[in-house]
Protein backbone atom coordinates (compact mmCIF):
# COMPACT_ATOMS: atom_id res chain seq x y z
CA MET A 1 -176.72 -36.13 -30.59
CA LYS A 2 -175.45 -33.80 -27.88
CA TYR A 3 -172.15 -31.79 -28.09
CA ILE A 4 -170.38 -31.24 -24.94
CA LYS A 5 -167.68 -28.89 -24.73
CA LEU A 6 -164.61 -29.72 -22.09
CA TYR A 7 -162.85 -26.96 -20.85
CA HIS A 8 -159.74 -27.30 -18.61
CA THR A 9 -157.95 -25.14 -16.08
CA ILE A 10 -154.65 -24.37 -17.77
CA SER A 11 -151.36 -22.32 -17.08
CA LEU A 12 -151.20 -18.82 -17.45
CA SER A 13 -149.15 -18.93 -20.67
CA ALA A 14 -151.44 -21.30 -22.41
CA ILE A 15 -154.84 -19.16 -21.90
CA LEU A 16 -155.01 -18.38 -25.44
CA ALA A 17 -154.72 -22.27 -26.31
CA LEU A 18 -157.97 -23.04 -24.69
CA THR A 19 -160.16 -24.29 -27.23
CA PRO A 20 -163.23 -26.35 -27.13
CA VAL A 21 -163.15 -29.76 -27.72
CA ALA A 22 -166.49 -31.30 -29.49
CA LEU A 23 -167.48 -34.89 -27.91
CA THR A 24 -170.60 -36.53 -28.81
CA SER A 25 -173.27 -37.52 -26.27
CA CYS A 26 -176.43 -39.53 -26.99
CA ASP A 27 -178.72 -36.72 -25.14
CA ASP A 28 -179.42 -34.13 -27.69
CA ASP A 29 -177.48 -31.69 -30.29
CA THR A 30 -177.77 -28.57 -28.48
CA ASP A 31 -174.45 -26.36 -27.70
CA PRO A 32 -173.95 -24.88 -24.24
CA THR A 33 -175.22 -21.14 -24.28
CA PRO A 34 -171.99 -18.38 -23.56
CA ILE A 35 -172.38 -16.81 -20.42
CA ALA A 36 -172.56 -12.88 -20.29
CA SER A 37 -169.36 -11.02 -20.94
CA THR A 38 -167.83 -9.22 -18.21
CA SER A 39 -169.22 -5.58 -17.89
CA GLN A 40 -167.52 -2.42 -16.83
CA LEU A 41 -164.17 -3.37 -17.49
CA THR A 42 -162.23 -0.29 -16.28
CA SER A 43 -158.47 0.50 -15.93
CA GLY A 44 -157.43 1.26 -12.03
CA ALA A 45 -153.88 1.99 -10.77
CA VAL A 46 -151.49 2.82 -13.51
CA THR A 47 -147.67 3.28 -12.75
CA TYR A 48 -144.61 3.35 -15.29
CA ASN A 49 -144.38 -0.61 -15.05
CA SER A 50 -147.80 -1.91 -13.94
CA LEU A 51 -151.70 -1.66 -14.93
CA SER A 52 -154.48 -2.92 -12.85
CA PHE A 53 -158.20 -3.61 -14.06
CA THR A 54 -161.23 -4.54 -12.71
CA TRP A 55 -164.69 -5.60 -13.85
CA GLU A 56 -168.08 -6.36 -12.68
CA PRO A 57 -168.75 -10.16 -11.93
CA VAL A 58 -170.75 -12.24 -14.25
CA ASP A 59 -173.41 -14.84 -13.34
CA ASN A 60 -172.49 -18.39 -13.57
CA ALA A 61 -168.88 -17.54 -14.18
CA VAL A 62 -166.39 -19.57 -12.07
CA GLN A 63 -162.99 -17.76 -13.10
CA TYR A 64 -161.96 -15.41 -15.66
CA GLY A 65 -159.07 -15.49 -18.35
CA CYS A 66 -157.04 -12.23 -18.83
CA GLN A 67 -154.54 -11.66 -21.71
CA LEU A 68 -152.52 -8.76 -22.14
CA THR A 69 -151.08 -7.87 -25.44
CA ASP A 70 -148.56 -5.23 -26.78
CA ALA A 71 -149.10 -2.72 -29.65
CA ASN A 72 -148.05 -5.48 -32.10
CA GLY A 73 -150.70 -7.96 -30.84
CA GLU A 74 -148.05 -10.08 -29.19
CA ALA A 75 -148.94 -11.57 -25.96
CA VAL A 76 -147.19 -10.23 -23.03
CA ASP A 77 -148.80 -11.92 -20.16
CA ALA A 78 -152.00 -14.18 -19.09
CA LYS A 79 -153.66 -14.87 -15.93
CA VAL A 80 -156.57 -17.06 -14.91
CA THR A 81 -158.33 -15.70 -11.58
CA LYS A 82 -161.44 -16.08 -9.59
CA SER A 83 -161.33 -12.53 -8.78
CA THR A 84 -162.64 -9.55 -10.53
CA SER A 85 -159.47 -7.39 -10.71
CA VAL A 86 -156.07 -8.28 -12.16
CA THR A 87 -152.73 -6.35 -12.16
CA PHE A 88 -149.88 -6.84 -14.58
CA THR A 89 -146.31 -5.92 -13.70
CA GLY A 90 -142.81 -5.67 -15.26
CA LEU A 91 -144.18 -3.78 -18.25
CA GLU A 92 -142.46 -1.03 -20.28
CA ALA A 93 -142.76 2.47 -19.42
CA ALA A 94 -145.10 4.82 -21.67
CA THR A 95 -146.28 1.90 -23.61
CA THR A 96 -149.84 1.07 -24.64
CA TYR A 97 -151.24 -2.35 -24.02
CA THR A 98 -154.58 -4.20 -24.90
CA LEU A 99 -156.22 -6.46 -22.31
CA ASN A 100 -158.99 -9.17 -23.14
CA VAL A 101 -161.07 -10.58 -20.44
CA TRP A 102 -163.13 -13.62 -20.88
CA ALA A 103 -165.60 -15.18 -18.26
CA TYR A 104 -165.33 -18.92 -17.97
CA ALA A 105 -168.46 -21.17 -16.78
CA ALA A 106 -168.14 -24.47 -15.35
CA VAL A 107 -166.83 -27.44 -16.89
CA GLY A 108 -169.82 -29.86 -18.08
CA GLY A 109 -172.28 -27.14 -16.96
CA PRO A 110 -174.97 -25.77 -19.50
CA TYR A 111 -172.92 -22.71 -20.13
CA ALA A 112 -170.03 -21.69 -22.24
CA THR A 113 -167.25 -19.24 -22.38
CA SER A 114 -168.40 -15.57 -22.99
CA GLU A 115 -167.12 -13.41 -25.76
CA PRO A 116 -163.83 -11.23 -24.94
CA VAL A 117 -164.19 -7.79 -23.61
CA THR A 118 -161.33 -5.40 -24.48
CA ILE A 119 -159.72 -2.37 -23.04
CA THR A 120 -156.46 -0.42 -23.60
CA ALA A 121 -154.55 1.12 -21.26
CA THR A 122 -151.17 2.90 -21.23
CA THR A 123 -148.22 2.87 -18.60
CA THR A 124 -146.90 6.36 -17.48
CA ALA A 125 -143.71 7.59 -18.51
CA LEU A 126 -140.56 7.46 -16.30
CA SER A 127 -139.90 10.56 -14.40
CA GLN A 128 -137.44 12.51 -16.08
CA LEU A 129 -134.15 13.55 -14.28
CA ALA A 130 -133.52 17.31 -14.85
CA ALA A 131 -130.35 18.29 -16.09
CA PRO A 132 -128.10 19.96 -13.31
CA HIS A 133 -126.88 23.79 -13.43
CA VAL A 134 -123.37 23.74 -13.21
CA ALA A 135 -121.31 26.80 -11.97
CA ILE A 136 -117.50 26.98 -12.15
CA ASP A 137 -115.43 28.77 -9.25
CA ASN A 138 -111.66 29.39 -10.87
CA ARG A 139 -109.38 30.82 -8.31
CA ALA A 140 -106.44 30.24 -6.16
CA GLY A 141 -105.15 27.50 -8.65
CA THR A 142 -108.35 25.45 -7.45
CA VAL A 143 -111.31 24.89 -9.92
CA THR A 144 -114.41 24.06 -8.16
CA ALA A 145 -117.64 22.67 -9.96
CA SER A 146 -120.91 22.98 -8.09
CA TRP A 147 -124.47 22.29 -9.12
CA ASN A 148 -128.00 22.20 -7.57
CA ALA A 149 -129.60 18.88 -6.16
CA VAL A 150 -131.90 17.59 -8.96
CA GLU A 151 -134.87 15.76 -7.58
CA GLY A 152 -134.74 12.04 -7.69
CA ALA A 153 -131.09 11.88 -8.30
CA THR A 154 -128.95 9.51 -6.02
CA SER A 155 -125.59 10.61 -7.43
CA TYR A 156 -124.04 12.75 -10.29
CA GLN A 157 -121.43 11.75 -13.01
CA VAL A 158 -118.77 14.51 -13.18
CA THR A 159 -116.38 14.24 -16.23
CA LEU A 160 -113.66 16.64 -16.95
CA ALA A 161 -112.08 16.91 -20.42
CA LEU A 162 -109.01 19.07 -22.00
CA ASP A 163 -109.23 19.92 -25.36
CA GLY A 164 -111.65 17.29 -26.13
CA GLU A 165 -109.85 14.55 -24.27
CA THR A 166 -111.40 13.00 -21.18
CA LEU A 167 -109.16 13.71 -18.04
CA SER A 168 -111.22 12.19 -15.08
CA SER A 169 -114.71 10.97 -14.40
CA SER A 170 -116.17 9.99 -11.36
CA GLU A 171 -119.35 9.36 -9.70
CA GLU A 172 -120.40 11.61 -6.89
CA THR A 173 -123.19 11.77 -4.09
CA GLY A 174 -122.28 15.55 -3.27
CA THR A 175 -123.09 18.52 -5.48
CA SER A 176 -119.68 19.81 -5.92
CA TYR A 177 -116.09 18.70 -7.07
CA SER A 178 -112.50 20.42 -6.99
CA TRP A 179 -109.69 19.95 -9.13
CA SER A 180 -106.37 21.68 -8.45
CA GLY A 181 -102.63 21.55 -10.33
CA LEU A 182 -104.43 21.67 -13.69
CA GLU A 183 -102.18 22.51 -16.78
CA LYS A 184 -103.03 25.25 -19.07
CA GLY A 185 -105.78 24.62 -21.68
CA ASN A 186 -109.54 24.91 -22.32
CA TYR A 187 -111.56 22.52 -20.00
CA ILE A 188 -115.39 21.42 -20.09
CA VAL A 189 -116.96 19.93 -16.95
CA THR A 190 -119.88 17.69 -18.01
CA VAL A 191 -122.37 16.97 -15.08
CA ARG A 192 -125.40 14.27 -15.21
CA ALA A 193 -127.58 13.37 -12.54
CA ILE A 194 -128.14 9.51 -11.95
CA SER A 195 -131.09 7.89 -10.11
CA THR A 196 -131.59 4.21 -8.92
CA ILE A 197 -134.99 5.19 -7.64
CA ALA A 198 -137.83 3.06 -9.36
CA GLY A 199 -139.94 5.31 -11.44
CA TYR A 200 -137.00 7.77 -12.70
CA GLU A 201 -134.94 7.96 -15.82
CA PRO A 202 -131.74 6.30 -14.99
CA ILE A 203 -129.56 9.31 -16.15
CA SER A 204 -130.32 12.95 -16.98
CA ALA A 205 -129.03 15.09 -20.16
CA PRO A 206 -125.57 16.32 -19.42
CA ALA A 207 -124.93 19.71 -18.32
CA GLN A 208 -121.70 21.38 -19.14
CA ALA A 209 -119.68 24.37 -18.11
CA THR A 210 -116.35 25.36 -19.48
CA PHE A 211 -113.45 27.28 -17.96
CA VAL A 212 -109.61 28.44 -19.13
CA ILE A 213 -106.50 27.63 -17.14
CA ASP A 214 -104.20 30.21 -18.74
CA ARG A 215 -101.38 29.94 -15.85
CA ALA A 216 -100.52 26.57 -14.00
CA GLU A 217 -100.12 26.40 -10.40
CA ILE A 218 -96.47 25.21 -9.53
CA TRP A 219 -96.75 25.40 -5.33
CA ARG A 220 -98.54 26.74 -2.52
CA ALA A 221 -97.34 27.37 0.96
CA GLU A 222 -99.26 28.21 4.27
CA GLY A 223 -97.88 30.67 6.21
CA THR A 224 -98.54 33.46 8.84
CA TYR A 225 -99.37 37.16 8.19
CA THR A 226 -98.18 39.71 10.79
CA ARG A 227 -99.92 43.20 10.75
CA SER A 228 -97.11 45.67 11.82
CA THR A 229 -99.35 48.11 13.66
CA ASP A 230 -100.57 45.99 16.31
CA GLY A 231 -98.76 42.54 15.91
CA ALA A 232 -102.05 40.90 15.22
CA LYS A 233 -101.54 37.38 13.40
CA TRP A 234 -103.36 35.01 11.13
CA GLY A 235 -103.06 32.26 8.46
CA ALA A 236 -102.60 33.20 4.92
CA THR A 237 -101.55 30.97 1.81
CA LEU A 238 -99.31 31.87 -1.17
CA VAL A 239 -100.00 30.26 -4.46
CA ALA A 240 -97.08 30.38 -7.27
CA TYR A 241 -97.82 30.19 -10.85
CA SER A 242 -95.77 29.44 -13.95
CA ASP A 243 -96.25 32.67 -15.22
CA ASP A 244 -94.22 34.18 -12.25
CA THR A 245 -97.56 35.58 -10.72
CA TYR A 246 -98.70 35.16 -7.14
CA GLN A 247 -101.90 35.03 -5.10
CA LEU A 248 -101.58 35.63 -1.34
CA LEU A 249 -104.93 34.29 0.16
CA ASN A 250 -106.42 35.87 2.96
CA TRP A 251 -103.96 38.38 2.87
CA TYR A 252 -105.75 40.46 5.37
CA ASN A 253 -107.92 38.01 7.28
CA GLY A 254 -110.90 38.88 5.16
CA GLY A 255 -110.96 36.23 2.74
CA THR A 256 -109.54 38.28 -0.21
CA SER A 257 -106.37 38.03 -2.05
CA LEU A 258 -103.78 39.81 -2.96
CA ASP A 259 -102.48 39.22 -6.57
CA PHE A 260 -99.13 40.21 -7.84
CA SER A 261 -96.10 39.49 -10.12
CA PHE A 262 -92.66 39.35 -9.14
CA ASP A 263 -89.80 39.16 -11.40
CA PRO A 264 -86.34 39.51 -9.72
CA THR A 265 -84.76 40.29 -13.39
CA VAL A 266 -86.46 43.58 -13.93
CA ASP A 267 -85.55 47.14 -12.47
CA GLU A 268 -86.18 47.40 -8.72
CA GLU A 269 -88.81 49.82 -9.48
CA GLU A 270 -91.14 47.25 -10.96
CA ARG A 271 -90.15 44.02 -10.09
CA PHE A 272 -93.04 43.68 -7.56
CA ALA A 273 -96.07 44.60 -9.15
CA LEU A 274 -99.76 44.30 -8.16
CA ILE A 275 -102.29 42.56 -10.32
CA GLY A 276 -105.99 43.62 -10.42
CA ASP A 277 -108.20 46.66 -10.89
CA TYR A 278 -106.96 48.26 -7.69
CA GLU A 279 -107.43 51.94 -7.10
CA TYR A 280 -104.40 53.78 -7.48
CA ASP A 281 -103.33 57.07 -5.67
CA TYR A 282 -101.14 59.35 -8.14
CA ASN A 283 -100.18 61.63 -5.12
CA THR A 284 -98.92 58.89 -3.12
CA GLY A 285 -98.03 55.98 -5.36
CA ALA A 286 -99.82 53.69 -3.16
CA TYR A 287 -102.52 51.28 -4.57
CA TYR A 288 -105.72 50.50 -2.41
CA VAL A 289 -106.33 46.73 -1.97
CA PRO A 290 -109.51 45.38 -0.93
CA THR A 291 -109.20 43.76 2.43
CA GLY A 292 -112.77 41.93 2.57
CA LEU A 293 -113.36 43.39 6.00
CA ALA A 294 -115.92 46.26 6.91
CA SER A 295 -113.16 48.33 8.43
CA PRO A 296 -110.39 48.87 6.80
CA ALA A 297 -112.19 48.19 3.51
CA THR A 298 -108.83 49.02 1.69
CA VAL A 299 -105.46 48.98 2.73
CA PRO A 300 -102.85 51.20 0.88
CA VAL A 301 -100.01 49.01 -0.32
CA TYR A 302 -96.73 50.75 -1.76
CA THR A 303 -94.83 48.37 -4.17
CA TRP A 304 -92.42 50.64 -5.79
CA TYR A 305 -88.44 50.76 -5.65
CA GLY A 306 -88.08 47.65 -3.66
CA TYR A 307 -90.57 48.80 -0.66
CA SER A 308 -92.42 45.72 -1.21
CA ASN A 309 -90.68 42.60 -1.67
CA LEU A 310 -90.71 38.74 -2.17
CA ALA A 311 -87.59 36.50 -0.93
CA GLY A 312 -87.41 32.65 -0.98
CA ASP A 313 -88.68 29.51 -2.66
CA ARG A 314 -91.43 26.85 -2.25
CA LYS A 315 -89.90 25.64 1.15
CA SER A 316 -89.56 28.94 2.87
CA GLY A 317 -89.49 32.78 2.61
CA GLU A 318 -91.08 36.03 3.23
CA ILE A 319 -93.08 38.72 1.65
CA SER A 320 -92.77 42.53 2.82
CA LEU A 321 -95.49 44.82 2.22
CA TYR A 322 -94.92 48.39 2.62
CA ILE A 323 -98.49 49.71 4.23
CA TYR A 324 -98.15 53.68 3.26
CA ASP A 325 -100.60 55.22 5.76
CA THR A 326 -98.84 53.51 8.78
CA ASN A 327 -95.24 53.90 7.24
CA SER A 328 -94.58 50.18 8.43
CA PHE A 329 -94.08 46.74 6.73
CA ASP A 330 -96.53 43.98 6.99
CA ILE A 331 -94.75 40.54 6.82
CA PHE A 332 -96.01 37.23 5.65
CA THR A 333 -93.76 34.21 6.11
CA TRP A 334 -93.90 30.65 5.32
CA ASP A 335 -91.66 27.33 6.26
CA THR A 336 -92.76 24.05 4.64
CA SER A 337 -89.39 22.41 4.85
CA ALA A 338 -90.71 20.50 8.33
CA ALA A 339 -94.35 20.18 7.09
CA GLY A 340 -93.84 17.61 4.67
CA ILE A 341 -95.40 17.18 0.94
CA THR A 342 -98.98 17.24 -0.13
CA ALA A 343 -100.85 16.22 -3.18
CA ASP A 344 -101.36 19.72 -3.96
CA ASP A 345 -97.51 20.53 -3.81
CA LEU A 346 -97.08 17.91 -6.37
CA ALA A 347 -99.98 18.25 -8.72
CA GLY A 348 -99.06 19.99 -12.10
CA THR A 349 -96.99 19.70 -15.30
CA TRP A 350 -93.25 18.64 -14.59
CA SER A 351 -90.31 18.57 -16.68
CA SER A 352 -88.29 15.30 -17.00
CA VAL A 353 -85.27 13.52 -17.92
CA GLN A 354 -85.76 9.68 -18.38
CA THR A 355 -82.73 7.29 -18.78
CA GLY A 356 -82.00 3.48 -18.68
CA LEU A 357 -81.47 0.35 -20.78
CA GLU A 358 -84.47 -0.70 -23.11
CA TYR A 359 -84.78 -4.19 -24.47
CA ASP A 360 -84.63 -4.16 -28.15
CA TRP A 361 -86.23 -6.98 -30.02
CA ASP A 362 -85.15 -6.77 -33.44
CA THR A 363 -81.43 -6.97 -31.81
CA ASP A 364 -81.89 -8.96 -28.84
CA SER A 365 -79.68 -6.30 -26.73
CA TRP A 366 -80.24 -3.34 -24.42
CA PRO A 367 -79.49 0.13 -25.75
CA ASP A 368 -79.48 3.28 -23.68
CA PHE A 369 -82.27 5.64 -23.82
CA ASN A 370 -82.47 9.29 -22.81
CA TYR A 371 -86.07 10.66 -22.74
CA SER A 372 -87.01 14.55 -22.04
CA GLN A 373 -90.63 15.15 -21.77
CA SER A 374 -93.19 16.20 -19.60
CA VAL A 375 -94.70 14.29 -16.71
CA THR A 376 -98.46 15.44 -15.52
CA VAL A 377 -98.84 14.88 -11.91
CA THR A 378 -102.76 14.74 -10.78
CA LYS A 379 -104.13 14.92 -7.47
CA ILE A 380 -106.47 11.94 -6.81
CA ASP A 381 -107.02 12.92 -2.97
CA ASP A 382 -104.89 14.15 -0.34
CA LYS A 383 -102.64 11.27 -0.22
CA THR A 384 -102.85 9.95 -3.64
CA VAL A 385 -101.39 11.24 -7.08
CA SER A 386 -101.16 9.93 -10.69
CA PHE A 387 -98.28 10.37 -13.06
CA ASP A 388 -98.87 10.37 -16.68
CA GLY A 389 -95.40 10.63 -18.93
CA ILE A 390 -93.30 8.14 -17.43
CA ILE A 391 -91.79 6.38 -20.24
CA TRP A 392 -95.20 6.53 -22.01
CA SER A 393 -98.24 8.98 -22.13
CA GLY A 394 -101.63 7.62 -21.75
CA TYR A 395 -100.70 4.93 -19.16
CA THR A 396 -100.96 6.43 -15.78
CA LEU A 397 -99.29 5.28 -12.47
CA VAL A 398 -100.81 5.57 -9.22
CA GLY A 399 -98.79 6.48 -6.07
CA THR A 400 -99.42 6.93 -2.40
CA ILE A 401 -97.52 10.00 -0.49
CA ASP A 402 -95.80 9.76 2.70
CA SER A 403 -95.71 13.61 3.81
CA ALA A 404 -93.37 12.88 6.52
CA SER A 405 -90.91 10.88 4.61
CA ARG A 406 -91.20 13.08 1.46
CA THR A 407 -91.77 9.75 -0.35
CA ILE A 408 -94.38 8.26 -3.05
CA THR A 409 -94.78 4.53 -3.27
CA ILE A 410 -95.83 3.25 -6.45
CA LYS A 411 -97.11 -0.60 -6.01
CA PRO A 412 -97.26 -3.20 -8.88
CA GLN A 413 -99.98 -2.20 -10.98
CA GLU A 414 -101.36 -2.74 -14.71
CA TRP A 415 -99.16 -0.47 -17.04
CA GLY A 416 -100.64 -0.66 -20.70
CA TYR A 417 -100.09 -3.99 -21.80
CA TYR A 418 -97.12 -4.64 -18.95
CA THR A 419 -97.19 -4.80 -15.27
CA PHE A 420 -95.17 -1.71 -13.54
CA GLY A 421 -92.96 -3.25 -10.53
CA ALA A 422 -89.32 -3.22 -9.25
CA GLU A 423 -86.96 -4.26 -11.71
CA ASP A 424 -85.81 -7.24 -9.49
CA ASP A 425 -89.09 -8.23 -8.30
CA VAL A 426 -92.51 -8.30 -10.38
CA ASN A 427 -94.35 -7.87 -7.02
CA GLY A 428 -92.23 -5.03 -5.49
CA SER A 429 -92.97 -1.60 -4.91
CA VAL A 430 -91.16 1.55 -6.24
CA VAL A 431 -90.22 4.29 -4.11
CA ALA A 432 -89.92 7.72 -5.53
CA THR A 433 -88.33 10.68 -3.32
CA ILE A 434 -88.94 14.12 -3.21
CA GLU A 435 -85.37 15.83 -2.92
CA ASP A 436 -84.47 18.75 -1.08
CA ASN A 437 -84.54 21.09 -4.11
CA GLY A 438 -88.10 20.09 -4.90
CA ASN A 439 -87.33 17.39 -7.72
CA ILE A 440 -88.97 14.01 -7.80
CA ARG A 441 -86.76 10.92 -8.17
CA LEU A 442 -87.91 7.50 -9.59
CA ALA A 443 -85.57 4.96 -10.19
CA GLY A 444 -85.21 0.85 -10.23
CA PHE A 445 -88.52 0.32 -12.05
CA THR A 446 -89.26 -1.68 -14.97
CA ALA A 447 -92.27 -3.08 -17.40
CA TRP A 448 -92.92 -6.73 -16.90
CA TYR A 449 -94.58 -9.08 -19.21
CA MET A 450 -94.94 -12.80 -18.87
CA GLY A 451 -92.09 -12.83 -16.45
CA TYR A 452 -89.69 -10.85 -18.57
CA THR A 453 -88.33 -7.37 -17.81
CA TYR A 454 -88.07 -4.64 -20.69
CA TYR A 455 -86.20 -1.70 -19.05
CA TYR A 456 -83.32 -1.85 -16.66
CA ASP A 457 -81.19 0.66 -14.75
CA THR A 458 -83.93 3.03 -15.02
CA GLU A 459 -84.03 6.74 -13.63
CA VAL A 460 -86.55 9.61 -13.89
CA ILE A 461 -85.57 12.98 -12.61
CA MET A 462 -88.94 15.44 -12.59
CA SER A 463 -88.37 19.20 -12.19
CA ARG A 464 -90.11 22.56 -12.58
């Protein structure tokens, strides 16, 4: 009797299930002779998620079966091909795989399937994203984190934390990010490179930098500096801080700042005091302040006995600086009353008094409330700020500034478990006003939940 082995062309996933089926024939009892195995099986192109293989053709073979297995012997993929090469894709990076290749003869012919030939190959590892190098520039009330461009990065995750608590996190495509109006404390900036490019790790190790805010910016005003000797004018900016210190940025049109304190409650002799390592002339009593220019490199400023003075507030005012060698007064003036309000003006920590009626579940009544607590205003962009500390801390409200009208519109939005909105309309916006004295007044808001209000007759007055 003759045994005939029948082979069928099967789906890729069933290659390994291919087994010879013995049938009887009356010719003879001779089994088919296995054809030669593939030779020179080699690994070709290798990437982080693909492997390619080639081999020499086998006489009497009509197709080849290929099975790829992982390190545990589990089948990953299988293919049938008439070619002498095969490529597997969608693989794991940095992983070793084993390929088995069989040569198949024609069905019903005198030859049987060859013995398998085996080879191993390993995909390449994903390219690591380098951690950025972060630098901090902390001056003039603004903190800027900058970092180098990382090869393969498409964006960067930037996180700011205060005393271990995350304040903000954003994804940026540039290589710098700035914050202003930060309160006092110890800060950590964390930057990670992110990549959406094939072949790269999706995110890098974190890079961190720290900085300390030991004084909070209260306000800043842009104005005009006038040099007394020739009447030359240029733009400068006055920044006021919470500890009664000031910076006059670009004070002499050379990019440097004049740092000083001013306390009107002390003797006139010392109320205007320069801060910094300025050269002091004991003969004249003048401080030589760097200008940032090639000439003059420094200017002698005399501050004693009221010769240099500050008068005004965040809306308008004047600084007079007595320049000793010319026996004249340089003047810086500002007037922001007509310029409107900016996010930089509002950013910072405010004191607040919050009053109104609050629904009491236990007594089904509306008792008065009167809170005194701080509110943190954070700049999101030039026209947008967030408030943290209105009624609750940890649930921020975001508002849009109308600079010309000196208002901040807070639209209905999620507020913890509630929805913030006007007390007479869940879909109504609430408009806060910036008053002439600089205070912010927010009134007529409530917390909505399932159609019910939980605050009424509310008013928040923020001041600093």
